[in-house]
């Protein structure tokens, strides 16, 4: 009889251990266990007792109904999504393509979903039932004189582990830890999207530099053609011609290196967005920053929102709170006697954490303010570049008229045209710089992420 009972209790211990491991993934469709009048038969702080209301729906149901109604309205008027053609990617579709195809983002999203599907009510009831079952098994083993056996010790370890999780759930600590984990995961997702957008902008700048090099090569080729003719006429030395030819070789090498880098960067973007790794993807133009968008920038309001949304600042604050709690704990442990070195050491650590937190906040604020000023500066640079472009366009119109009248050479006209192209490239670069700075500012203001 005793042998059979021992086998039964061992089996129960193993089963309960497995139940403890699987408690966190309990199915919400499981029937709720009957209440047991024990210390553990309490509801967690986040789940207040529900009263029966037969004729009137609860506030939660009303809120859920309103949210469902809003969602249905949103579904009726979805934002128009136009997929990109094969081999092409637009900045407007970049974030969506990253979130749908980037493997790292998908893995992070699965971790997010793994936390969001947790039903804390079901988890609470499952843990409570398992704790009661283990306690019952322990009591039975004590009655039969088996309280010091290895099986009893295994049950005790299972009970302690489950009890720790149960207490954390009851006090709301587990929920808070999971909320922090969600914040961290979403922040990591946003940083990957931001990195993809930064890579997109970098490729656009490199392609613009490539066009500038092509224009410089074309101008140098015209100069070489003229120099070769002058060399044949004996007007210049061979050394002058060779120096110019060497300059062209160096410029061409720089162009080839830049083309290789562009291909590598494009392959990285293709990898991030789920495209075929060829390094040939074509990028659409960057959006233009409007005056309305610039006018919507409110430094102090945006800074306050950025600090509230920053996960890094939140972590720094948590570290400060931990240092403060440790200092208070040491003070209480030693009867608030300031002469104890343990109390003094904990207070110094607390003060160091305070300094570190203040420094983190200050660095965040100055980085955000600097970014705000950069956006404003890039706007005035763009305005100046547009003015310079208008002047070069007027000069080209005059040069073209002189050329048609026979008062200007073809090369001089091409030089005037090059100046217009150069001024246009300056405008394009200023527009890209303004968009990059504004886009980074919005990431900071909306999500607390500073590049």
Protein backbone atom coordinates (compact mmCIF):
# COMPACT_ATOMS: atom_id res chain seq x y z
CA UNK A 1 0.00 0.00 0.00
CA UNK A 2 2.74 2.43 0.99
CA UNK A 3 4.72 1.56 -2.16
CA UNK A 4 1.69 2.31 -4.34
CA UNK A 5 1.13 5.59 -2.51
CA UNK A 6 4.78 6.58 -3.02
CA UNK A 7 4.52 5.90 -6.74
CA UNK A 8 1.32 7.91 -6.93
CA UNK A 9 2.83 10.91 -5.15
CA UNK A 10 5.95 10.81 -7.31
CA UNK A 11 3.78 10.84 -10.41
CA UNK A 12 1.78 13.71 -8.95
CA UNK A 13 4.99 15.67 -8.26
CA UNK A 14 6.19 15.25 -11.84
CA UNK A 15 2.78 16.20 -13.23
CA UNK A 16 2.52 19.27 -11.05
CA UNK A 17 6.02 20.36 -12.04
CA UNK A 18 5.00 20.12 -15.67
CA UNK A 19 1.83 22.03 -14.90
CA UNK A 20 3.90 24.76 -13.31
CA UNK A 21 6.05 25.08 -16.42
CA UNK A 22 3.02 25.20 -18.71
CA UNK A 23 0.99 27.52 -16.50
CA UNK A 24 2.19 30.61 -18.34
CA UNK A 25 0.82 29.26 -21.60
CA UNK A 26 -2.54 28.04 -20.25
CA UNK A 27 -5.39 28.10 -22.76
CA UNK A 28 -8.08 30.68 -22.00
CA UNK A 29 -10.75 28.16 -23.00
CA UNK A 30 -10.00 25.99 -19.95
CA UNK A 31 -12.87 25.99 -17.43
CA UNK A 32 -12.21 28.10 -14.33
CA UNK A 33 -11.45 25.95 -11.27
CA UNK A 34 -13.64 26.08 -8.21
CA UNK A 35 -12.56 28.56 -5.59
CA UNK A 36 -10.52 27.17 -2.73
CA UNK A 37 -10.66 28.94 0.60
CA UNK A 38 -6.94 29.44 1.06
CA UNK A 39 -4.61 32.40 1.23
CA UNK A 40 -4.07 32.13 -2.48
CA UNK A 41 -7.77 32.47 -3.25
CA UNK A 42 -7.48 36.21 -3.97
CA UNK A 43 -7.82 38.10 -7.20
CA UNK A 44 -4.83 40.00 -8.61
CA UNK A 45 -4.87 43.76 -8.27
CA UNK A 46 -5.33 44.18 -12.01
CA UNK A 47 -8.53 42.07 -12.08
CA UNK A 48 -11.22 43.58 -9.81
CA UNK A 49 -14.18 41.41 -8.92
CA UNK A 50 -17.03 41.70 -11.40
CA UNK A 51 -20.60 42.18 -10.23
CA UNK A 52 -23.46 40.59 -12.06
CA UNK A 53 -25.38 43.13 -14.13
CA UNK A 54 -28.15 41.31 -15.99
CA UNK A 55 -29.63 44.13 -18.06
CA UNK A 56 -26.80 46.65 -18.48
CA UNK A 57 -23.48 45.95 -20.12
CA UNK A 58 -20.31 46.62 -18.18
CA UNK A 59 -18.10 49.65 -18.91
CA UNK A 60 -15.50 47.30 -20.37
CA UNK A 61 -18.04 45.89 -22.82
CA UNK A 62 -19.25 49.36 -23.74
CA UNK A 63 -15.68 50.52 -24.34
CA UNK A 64 -14.95 47.39 -26.36
CA UNK A 65 -18.09 48.06 -28.40
CA UNK A 66 -17.04 51.64 -29.08
CA UNK A 67 -13.55 50.50 -30.09
CA UNK A 68 -15.02 47.84 -32.36
CA UNK A 69 -17.27 50.48 -33.92
CA UNK A 70 -14.30 52.78 -34.49
CA UNK A 71 -12.29 49.92 -35.97
CA UNK A 72 -15.14 49.04 -38.32
CA UNK A 73 -15.32 52.66 -39.45
CA UNK A 74 -11.58 52.64 -40.08
CA UNK A 75 -11.90 49.42 -42.03
CA UNK A 76 -14.53 51.00 -44.22
CA UNK A 77 -12.15 53.78 -45.25
CA UNK A 78 -8.67 52.20 -45.31
CA UNK A 79 -5.68 54.16 -46.51
CA UNK A 80 -4.93 53.45 -50.13
CA UNK A 81 -1.88 51.26 -50.52
CA UNK A 82 -0.23 51.06 -53.91
CA UNK A 83 2.39 48.26 -54.02
CA UNK A 84 5.75 49.07 -55.55
CA UNK A 85 6.67 47.52 -58.91
CA UNK A 86 9.25 44.76 -58.95
CA UNK A 87 12.75 46.15 -58.56
CA UNK A 88 11.51 49.47 -57.16
CA UNK A 89 10.89 50.80 -53.67
CA UNK A 90 9.32 54.08 -52.58
CA UNK A 91 9.99 55.78 -49.28
CA UNK A 92 6.25 55.88 -48.57
CA UNK A 93 6.09 52.06 -48.67
CA UNK A 94 9.45 51.44 -47.02
CA UNK A 95 8.22 51.03 -43.44
CA UNK A 96 5.43 48.66 -44.46
CA UNK A 97 7.79 46.52 -46.50
CA UNK A 98 10.27 46.39 -43.63
CA UNK A 99 7.62 45.31 -41.13
CA UNK A 100 6.24 42.68 -43.51
CA UNK A 101 9.52 41.21 -44.76
CA UNK A 102 12.38 41.96 -42.39
CA UNK A 103 13.18 38.76 -40.50
CA UNK A 104 14.47 40.53 -37.41
CA UNK A 105 11.32 42.66 -37.23
CA UNK A 106 9.14 39.59 -37.70
CA UNK A 107 10.96 37.78 -34.89
CA UNK A 108 10.49 40.78 -32.60
CA UNK A 109 6.82 40.92 -33.51
CA UNK A 110 6.36 37.27 -32.56
CA UNK A 111 7.86 38.07 -29.17
CA UNK A 112 5.44 40.97 -28.85
CA UNK A 113 2.50 38.74 -29.69
CA UNK A 114 3.71 36.08 -27.25
CA UNK A 115 3.34 38.61 -24.44
CA UNK A 116 0.13 40.23 -25.64
CA UNK A 117 -1.79 36.94 -25.81
CA UNK A 118 -1.24 36.23 -22.10
CA UNK A 119 -4.53 36.01 -20.19
CA UNK A 120 -3.62 37.03 -16.66
CA UNK A 121 -6.96 35.88 -15.22
CA UNK A 122 -6.47 32.37 -16.58
CA UNK A 123 -2.84 32.39 -15.48
CA UNK A 124 -3.88 33.43 -11.96
CA UNK A 125 -6.46 30.67 -11.62
CA UNK A 126 -4.10 28.06 -13.04
CA UNK A 127 -1.32 29.02 -10.65
CA UNK A 128 -3.71 29.07 -7.70
CA UNK A 129 -5.02 25.61 -8.51
CA UNK A 130 -1.51 24.22 -8.96
CA UNK A 131 -0.36 25.69 -5.66
CA UNK A 132 -3.33 24.16 -3.85
CA UNK A 133 -2.69 20.78 -5.48
CA UNK A 134 0.96 20.83 -4.50
CA UNK A 135 0.10 21.87 -0.95
CA UNK A 136 -2.40 19.02 -0.73
CA UNK A 137 0.19 16.55 -2.00
CA UNK A 138 2.73 17.83 0.51
CA UNK A 139 0.27 17.41 3.37
CA UNK A 140 -0.50 13.87 2.28
CA UNK A 141 3.20 13.00 2.20
CA UNK A 142 3.64 14.43 5.73
CA UNK A 143 0.75 12.32 7.00
CA UNK A 144 2.43 9.18 5.68
CA UNK A 145 5.83 10.13 7.07
CA UNK A 146 7.35 11.04 3.72
CA UNK A 147 8.01 14.73 4.39
CA UNK A 148 11.81 14.42 4.10
CA UNK A 149 11.99 12.30 0.94
CA UNK A 150 13.50 13.56 -2.34
CA UNK A 151 10.01 13.60 -3.80
CA UNK A 152 8.84 15.93 -1.05
CA UNK A 153 11.78 18.25 -1.66
CA UNK A 154 10.94 18.30 -5.40
CA UNK A 155 7.39 19.32 -4.54
CA UNK A 156 8.68 22.05 -2.25
CA UNK A 157 10.89 23.47 -5.01
CA UNK A 158 7.97 23.42 -7.46
CA UNK A 159 5.77 25.17 -4.92
CA UNK A 160 8.35 27.90 -4.25
CA UNK A 161 8.85 28.57 -7.95
CA UNK A 162 5.11 28.76 -8.63
CA UNK A 163 4.53 30.86 -5.52
CA UNK A 164 7.08 33.42 -6.65
CA UNK A 165 5.34 33.78 -10.00
CA UNK A 166 1.93 33.85 -8.32
CA UNK A 167 2.93 36.61 -5.91
CA UNK A 168 4.42 38.66 -8.74
CA UNK A 169 1.17 38.27 -10.66
CA UNK A 170 -0.98 39.15 -7.65
CA UNK A 171 1.03 42.30 -6.91
CA UNK A 172 1.04 43.39 -10.57
CA UNK A 173 4.81 43.03 -10.87
CA UNK A 174 4.59 40.43 -13.65
CA UNK A 175 2.22 42.62 -15.65
CA UNK A 176 4.54 45.60 -15.26
CA UNK A 177 7.58 43.57 -16.30
CA UNK A 178 5.74 42.42 -19.40
CA UNK A 179 4.70 45.99 -20.22
CA UNK A 180 8.33 47.06 -19.95
CA UNK A 181 9.34 44.16 -22.18
CA UNK A 182 6.75 45.23 -24.77
CA UNK A 183 8.07 48.78 -24.68
CA UNK A 184 11.61 47.54 -25.21
CA UNK A 185 10.60 45.24 -28.08
CA UNK A 186 8.62 47.95 -29.86
CA UNK A 187 11.48 50.39 -29.39
CA UNK A 188 13.82 47.85 -31.00
CA UNK A 189 11.38 47.47 -33.90
CA UNK A 190 11.21 51.22 -34.44
CA UNK A 191 14.98 51.52 -34.37
CA UNK A 192 15.25 48.95 -37.18
CA UNK A 193 12.69 50.84 -39.25
CA UNK A 194 14.56 54.07 -38.59
CA UNK A 195 17.82 52.40 -39.64
CA UNK A 196 16.18 51.29 -42.89
CA UNK A 197 15.00 54.83 -43.58
CA UNK A 198 18.47 56.20 -42.82
CA UNK A 199 19.97 53.67 -45.25
CA UNK A 200 17.46 54.77 -47.90
CA UNK A 201 18.47 58.42 -47.47
CA UNK A 202 22.17 57.50 -47.55
CA UNK A 203 21.73 55.71 -50.88
CA UNK A 204 19.92 58.73 -52.31
CA UNK A 205 22.83 60.97 -51.28
CA UNK A 206 25.37 58.57 -52.79
CA UNK A 207 23.46 58.42 -56.07
CA UNK A 208 23.41 62.20 -56.14
CA UNK A 209 27.18 62.24 -55.61
CA UNK A 210 27.51 59.75 -58.46
CA UNK A 211 25.60 62.10 -60.78
CA UNK A 212 27.91 64.95 -59.76
CA UNK A 213 30.95 62.81 -60.60
CA UNK A 214 29.45 61.94 -63.97
CA UNK A 215 28.98 65.65 -64.71
CA UNK A 216 32.56 66.35 -63.62
CA UNK A 217 33.82 63.57 -65.86
CA UNK A 218 31.92 64.98 -68.82
CA UNK A 219 33.37 68.44 -68.18
CA UNK A 220 36.86 66.97 -67.82
CA UNK A 221 36.46 65.08 -71.08
CA UNK A 222 35.64 68.36 -72.84
CA UNK A 223 38.72 69.94 -71.30
CA UNK A 224 40.86 67.00 -72.37
CA UNK A 225 39.58 67.26 -75.93
CA UNK A 226 40.60 70.92 -75.99
CA UNK A 227 43.96 70.23 -74.33
CA UNK A 228 44.77 67.47 -76.80
CA UNK A 229 44.11 69.87 -79.67
CA UNK A 230 46.27 72.54 -78.06
CA UNK A 231 49.02 69.97 -77.46
CA UNK A 232 48.98 69.05 -81.14
CA UNK A 233 49.33 72.75 -81.95
CA UNK A 234 52.26 73.01 -79.55
CA UNK A 235 50.51 75.39 -77.15
CA UNK A 236 50.90 73.19 -74.02
CA UNK A 237 53.42 70.67 -72.81
CA UNK A 238 52.89 66.92 -72.62
CA UNK A 239 53.24 67.17 -68.85
CA UNK A 240 50.16 69.42 -68.62
CA UNK A 241 48.17 66.98 -70.74
CA UNK A 242 49.31 63.99 -68.68
CA UNK A 243 48.36 65.70 -65.42
CA UNK A 244 44.85 66.29 -66.70
CA UNK A 245 44.63 62.71 -67.93
CA UNK A 246 45.77 61.49 -64.49
CA UNK A 247 43.07 63.64 -62.87
CA UNK A 248 40.48 61.95 -65.06
CA UNK A 249 41.80 58.50 -64.11
CA UNK A 250 41.56 59.38 -60.41
CA UNK A 251 38.07 60.79 -60.83
CA UNK A 252 36.94 57.70 -62.71
CA UNK A 253 38.35 55.46 -59.96
CA UNK A 254 36.39 57.43 -57.35
CA UNK A 255 33.27 57.01 -59.45
CA UNK A 256 33.78 53.24 -59.69
CA UNK A 257 34.33 52.96 -55.93
CA UNK A 258 31.17 54.97 -55.30
CA UNK A 259 29.18 52.76 -57.68
CA UNK A 260 30.42 49.67 -55.82
CA UNK A 261 29.36 51.17 -52.47
CA UNK A 262 25.96 52.05 -53.85
CA UNK A 263 25.47 48.47 -54.96
CA UNK A 264 26.48 47.15 -51.53
CA UNK A 265 24.13 49.56 -49.76
CA UNK A 266 21.30 48.63 -52.09
CA UNK A 267 21.83 44.95 -51.35
CA UNK A 268 21.55 45.76 -47.64
CA UNK A 269 18.28 47.59 -48.30
CA UNK A 270 17.04 44.67 -50.39
CA UNK A 271 17.92 42.31 -47.56
CA UNK A 272 16.10 44.46 -45.00
CA UNK A 273 12.97 44.85 -47.15
CA UNK A 274 12.72 41.29 -48.45
CA UNK A 275 13.87 41.97 -51.99
CA UNK A 276 16.07 39.90 -54.27
CA UNK A 277 19.75 40.50 -53.48
CA UNK A 278 21.01 42.08 -56.70
CA UNK A 279 22.05 45.56 -55.60
CA UNK A 280 20.01 47.07 -58.43
CA UNK A 281 16.83 48.18 -56.68
CA UNK A 282 15.58 51.56 -57.84
CA UNK A 283 14.65 54.12 -55.20
CA UNK A 284 11.87 56.67 -55.46
CA UNK A 285 12.33 60.34 -54.65
CA UNK A 286 12.25 61.43 -51.03
CA UNK A 287 9.14 63.31 -49.88
CA UNK A 288 9.39 67.08 -49.71
CA UNK A 289 9.10 68.74 -46.31
CA UNK A 290 6.21 71.20 -46.40
CA UNK A 291 5.96 74.55 -44.67
CA UNK A 292 3.01 73.16 -42.70
CA UNK A 293 5.17 70.37 -41.33
CA UNK A 294 7.86 72.82 -40.31
CA UNK A 295 5.30 75.11 -38.68
CA UNK A 296 3.95 72.16 -36.65
CA UNK A 297 7.28 71.76 -34.86
CA UNK A 298 6.85 72.98 -31.27
CA UNK A 299 10.17 72.60 -29.48
CA UNK A 300 9.08 72.46 -25.85
CA UNK A 301 5.93 70.41 -26.48
CA UNK A 302 7.75 67.96 -28.74
CA UNK A 303 10.61 67.65 -26.26
CA UNK A 304 8.23 66.81 -23.43
CA UNK A 305 6.54 64.17 -25.62
CA UNK A 306 9.91 62.74 -26.67
CA UNK A 307 11.08 62.37 -23.06
CA UNK A 308 7.83 60.63 -22.17
CA UNK A 309 8.21 58.19 -25.07
CA UNK A 310 11.93 57.47 -24.61
CA UNK A 311 12.64 53.94 -23.42
CA UNK A 312 16.24 54.86 -22.63
CA UNK A 313 15.13 57.60 -20.25
CA UNK A 314 12.68 55.17 -18.67
CA UNK A 315 15.48 52.66 -18.05
CA UNK A 316 17.63 55.37 -16.50
CA UNK A 317 14.76 56.33 -14.22
CA UNK A 318 14.27 52.72 -13.16
CA UNK A 319 17.94 52.43 -12.27
CA UNK A 320 17.62 55.57 -10.15
CA UNK A 321 14.58 54.15 -8.36
CA UNK A 322 16.43 50.90 -7.66
CA UNK A 323 19.35 52.81 -6.15
CA UNK A 324 16.95 54.82 -4.00
CA UNK A 325 15.14 51.69 -2.80
CA UNK A 326 18.47 50.08 -1.99
CA UNK A 327 19.55 53.11 0.05
CA UNK A 328 16.28 53.13 1.98
CA UNK A 329 16.54 49.39 2.56
CA UNK A 330 20.06 49.69 3.94
CA UNK A 331 19.03 52.55 6.18
CA UNK A 332 16.11 50.55 7.55
CA UNK A 333 18.24 47.44 8.00
CA UNK A 334 20.77 49.26 10.18
CA UNK A 335 18.30 51.35 12.16
CA UNK A 336 18.92 54.56 10.19
CA UNK A 337 22.34 54.91 11.72
CA UNK A 338 24.27 57.18 9.38
CA UNK A 339 27.63 56.12 10.82
CA UNK A 340 27.26 52.63 9.33
CA UNK A 341 29.42 52.30 6.24
CA UNK A 342 26.73 50.19 4.55
CA UNK A 343 24.26 53.08 4.81
CA UNK A 344 26.84 55.61 3.62
CA UNK A 345 27.86 53.44 0.67
CA UNK A 346 24.25 52.95 -0.41
CA UNK A 347 23.63 56.71 -0.17
CA UNK A 348 26.67 57.42 -2.34
CA UNK A 349 25.43 54.90 -4.91
CA UNK A 350 22.05 56.59 -4.85
CA UNK A 351 23.65 60.00 -5.43
CA UNK A 352 25.75 58.58 -8.28
CA UNK A 353 22.61 57.18 -9.88
CA UNK A 354 20.98 60.59 -9.55
CA UNK A 355 23.89 62.25 -11.33
CA UNK A 356 23.83 59.62 -14.07
CA UNK A 357 20.11 60.10 -14.56
CA UNK A 358 20.42 63.89 -14.72
CA UNK A 359 23.27 63.56 -17.24
CA UNK A 360 21.19 61.20 -19.38
CA UNK A 361 18.28 63.64 -19.40
CA UNK A 362 20.55 66.58 -20.19
CA UNK A 363 22.19 64.73 -23.09
CA UNK A 364 18.78 63.78 -24.42
CA UNK A 365 17.53 67.34 -24.21
CA UNK A 366 20.57 68.88 -25.88
CA UNK A 367 20.49 66.29 -28.67
CA UNK A 368 16.82 67.00 -29.28
CA UNK A 369 17.31 70.78 -29.25
CA UNK A 370 20.27 70.42 -31.61
CA UNK A 371 18.14 68.37 -33.98
CA UNK A 372 15.43 71.03 -33.89
CA UNK A 373 17.97 73.73 -34.82
CA UNK A 374 19.38 71.54 -37.60
CA UNK A 375 15.97 71.31 -39.22
CA UNK A 376 15.63 75.11 -39.13
CA UNK A 377 19.17 75.55 -40.48
CA UNK A 378 18.66 73.10 -43.34
CA UNK A 379 15.53 75.05 -44.29
CA UNK A 380 17.48 78.31 -44.68
CA UNK A 381 20.23 76.45 -46.57
CA UNK A 382 17.59 75.14 -48.96
CA UNK A 383 16.14 78.61 -49.48
CA UNK A 384 19.61 79.99 -50.24
CA UNK A 385 20.30 77.14 -52.68
CA UNK A 386 17.04 77.87 -54.52
CA UNK A 387 18.03 81.52 -54.84
CA UNK A 388 21.44 80.54 -56.24
CA UNK A 389 19.75 78.18 -58.70
CA UNK A 390 17.50 80.97 -59.97
CA UNK A 391 20.58 83.15 -60.57
CA UNK A 392 22.37 80.39 -62.52
CA UNK A 393 19.25 79.76 -64.58
CA UNK A 394 19.16 83.45 -65.51
CA UNK A 395 22.87 83.36 -66.37
CA UNK A 396 22.31 80.34 -68.58
CA UNK A 397 19.47 82.07 -70.40
CA UNK A 398 21.83 85.00 -71.14
CA UNK A 399 24.60 82.61 -72.25
CA UNK A 400 22.21 80.78 -74.54
CA UNK A 401 21.17 84.04 -76.18
CA UNK A 402 24.82 85.01 -76.69
CA UNK A 403 25.55 81.58 -78.17
CA UNK A 404 22.67 81.92 -80.63
CA UNK A 405 24.03 85.35 -81.61
CA UNK A 406 27.49 83.86 -82.20
CA UNK A 407 29.09 85.73 -79.31
CA UNK A 408 29.77 82.67 -77.11
CA UNK A 409 31.54 79.38 -77.74
CA UNK A 410 29.92 75.97 -77.36
CA UNK A 411 32.18 75.08 -74.44
CA UNK A 412 31.28 78.28 -72.61
CA UNK A 413 27.60 77.49 -73.07
CA UNK A 414 28.15 73.98 -71.72
CA UNK A 415 29.97 75.43 -68.73
CA UNK A 416 27.00 77.67 -68.00
CA UNK A 417 24.74 74.63 -68.28
CA UNK A 418 26.98 72.74 -65.86
CA UNK A 419 26.63 75.55 -63.35
CA UNK A 420 22.87 75.22 -63.56
CA UNK A 421 23.11 71.46 -63.02
CA UNK A 422 25.50 71.99 -60.11
CA UNK A 423 23.12 74.49 -58.53
CA UNK A 424 20.23 72.05 -59.03
CA UNK A 425 22.25 69.30 -57.36
CA UNK A 426 22.87 71.64 -54.44
CA UNK A 427 19.12 72.22 -54.14
CA UNK A 428 18.44 68.46 -54.33
CA UNK A 429 21.05 67.80 -51.65
CA UNK A 430 19.61 70.51 -49.41
CA UNK A 431 16.13 69.03 -49.82
CA UNK A 432 17.42 65.59 -48.89
CA UNK A 433 19.26 66.99 -45.87
CA UNK A 434 16.15 68.82 -44.73
CA UNK A 435 13.99 65.72 -45.06
CA UNK A 436 16.54 63.53 -43.27
CA UNK A 437 16.76 65.97 -40.35
CA UNK A 438 12.99 66.43 -40.17
CA UNK A 439 12.36 62.68 -40.35
CA UNK A 440 14.86 62.09 -37.54
CA UNK A 441 13.18 64.85 -35.53
CA UNK A 442 9.80 63.16 -35.91
CA UNK A 443 11.19 59.82 -34.76
CA UNK A 444 12.56 61.57 -31.70
CA UNK A 445 9.36 63.52 -30.96
CA UNK A 446 6.95 60.66 -31.60
CA UNK A 447 8.91 57.65 -30.28
CA UNK A 448 11.70 59.11 -28.15
CA UNK A 449 14.37 57.63 -30.45
CA UNK A 450 17.38 59.84 -31.15
CA UNK A 451 19.77 58.83 -33.91
